[in-house]
Amino acid sequence: MAIIANFKVSGCTVDKYEAVLRELDAIGVGAAPKGQLFHVCYGSHDNLQVVDVFDSAASLDSFGKSLGPILAKHGITAVPEVNDVYKIMKD
């Protein structure tokens, strides 16, 4: 079952966000990891926030194992509120 993770992020600027994406690419995870259906980054340039949709909680957990240490290295915290997805609509 798909899940949505609405992250409460602190310490994430545009420069840090781009650095995290480069490091994910460098370790072979990429900016769109396995199981990620949607990724939205939004907010002001000095306080970015993130919402992700994954195909399962297991996929999110797997990605978190790679992402967590990179975020910590950059002084970013991201606490998810995770809920099951009822419906995804696309045009």
Protein backbone atom coordinates (compact mmCIF):
# COMPACT_ATOMS: atom_id res chain seq x y z
CA MET A 1 0.00 0.00 0.00
CA ALA A 2 1.29 3.46 -0.91
CA ILE A 3 2.17 5.86 1.89
CA ILE A 4 2.65 9.61 2.08
CA ALA A 5 5.39 11.10 4.23
CA ASN A 6 4.97 14.76 5.13
CA PHE A 7 8.33 15.77 6.60
CA LYS A 8 8.82 18.53 9.15
CA VAL A 9 12.24 19.69 8.00
CA SER A 10 14.61 22.07 9.75
CA GLY A 11 17.98 23.37 8.64
CA CYS A 12 17.46 22.81 4.93
CA THR A 13 18.46 25.56 2.53
CA VAL A 14 18.51 25.34 -1.26
CA ASP A 15 22.29 24.83 -1.20
CA LYS A 16 22.05 22.00 1.34
CA TYR A 17 19.17 20.37 -0.56
CA GLU A 18 21.19 20.35 -3.79
CA ALA A 19 24.23 18.97 -1.93
CA VAL A 20 22.11 16.13 -0.52
CA LEU A 21 20.86 15.27 -4.03
CA ARG A 22 24.44 15.19 -5.34
CA GLU A 23 25.52 12.88 -2.52
CA LEU A 24 22.57 10.55 -3.12
CA ASP A 25 23.62 10.34 -6.78
CA ALA A 26 27.24 9.71 -5.77
CA ILE A 27 26.29 6.68 -3.64
CA GLY A 28 24.05 5.27 -6.37
CA VAL A 29 20.71 5.94 -4.70
CA GLY A 30 19.75 8.84 -6.93
CA ALA A 31 17.28 11.62 -6.39
CA ALA A 32 14.38 9.28 -7.23
CA PRO A 33 15.01 6.14 -5.17
CA LYS A 34 13.36 2.79 -5.71
CA GLY A 35 9.72 2.90 -4.66
CA GLN A 36 9.38 6.70 -4.65
CA LEU A 37 6.29 7.66 -6.64
CA PHE A 38 6.34 11.44 -6.05
CA HIS A 39 8.67 13.96 -4.43
CA VAL A 40 7.78 17.58 -3.76
CA CYS A 41 10.19 20.09 -2.28
CA TYR A 42 8.66 23.47 -1.43
CA GLY A 43 9.01 26.51 0.78
CA SER A 44 11.36 29.45 1.11
CA HIS A 45 14.95 29.09 -0.05
CA ASP A 46 16.21 29.05 3.53
CA ASN A 47 13.54 26.67 4.92
CA LEU A 48 12.68 23.95 2.41
CA GLN A 49 10.11 21.29 3.26
CA VAL A 50 9.44 17.88 1.65
CA VAL A 51 6.50 15.61 0.91
CA ASP A 52 7.14 12.14 -0.55
CA VAL A 53 4.86 9.36 -1.74
CA PHE A 54 6.33 5.85 -1.72
CA ASP A 55 4.86 2.56 -2.88
CA SER A 56 5.29 1.16 0.65
CA ALA A 57 6.61 1.94 4.11
CA ALA A 58 9.40 -0.57 3.46
CA SER A 59 10.63 1.50 0.48
CA LEU A 60 10.64 4.66 2.58
CA ASP A 61 12.53 2.86 5.37
CA SER A 62 15.10 1.54 2.90
CA PHE A 63 15.70 5.00 1.46
CA GLY A 64 15.93 6.48 4.94
CA LYS A 65 18.92 4.28 5.71
CA SER A 66 20.89 6.02 2.96
CA LEU A 67 19.38 9.46 3.39
CA GLY A 68 19.62 9.79 7.17
CA PRO A 69 23.40 9.98 7.50
CA ILE A 70 23.62 12.47 4.62
CA LEU A 71 21.02 14.74 6.22
CA ALA A 72 22.83 14.56 9.56
CA LYS A 73 26.12 15.49 7.88
CA HIS A 74 24.49 18.68 6.59
CA GLY A 75 22.74 19.54 9.86
CA ILE A 76 19.28 18.82 8.47
CA THR A 77 16.54 17.12 10.46
CA ALA A 78 13.47 15.64 8.79
CA VAL A 79 10.75 14.10 10.94
CA PRO A 80 8.06 12.34 8.89
CA GLU A 81 4.36 12.11 9.55
CA VAL A 82 3.44 8.96 7.62
CA ASN A 83 -0.06 8.00 6.51
CA ASP A 84 -1.56 5.43 4.16
CA VAL A 85 -2.64 6.77 0.79
CA TYR A 86 -6.29 6.30 -0.05
CA LYS A 87 -6.17 7.37 -3.71
CA ILE A 88 -3.74 8.87 -6.23
CA MET A 89 -5.24 10.64 -9.21
CA LYS A 90 -3.27 11.64 -12.32
CA ASP A 91 -4.42 13.15 -15.57
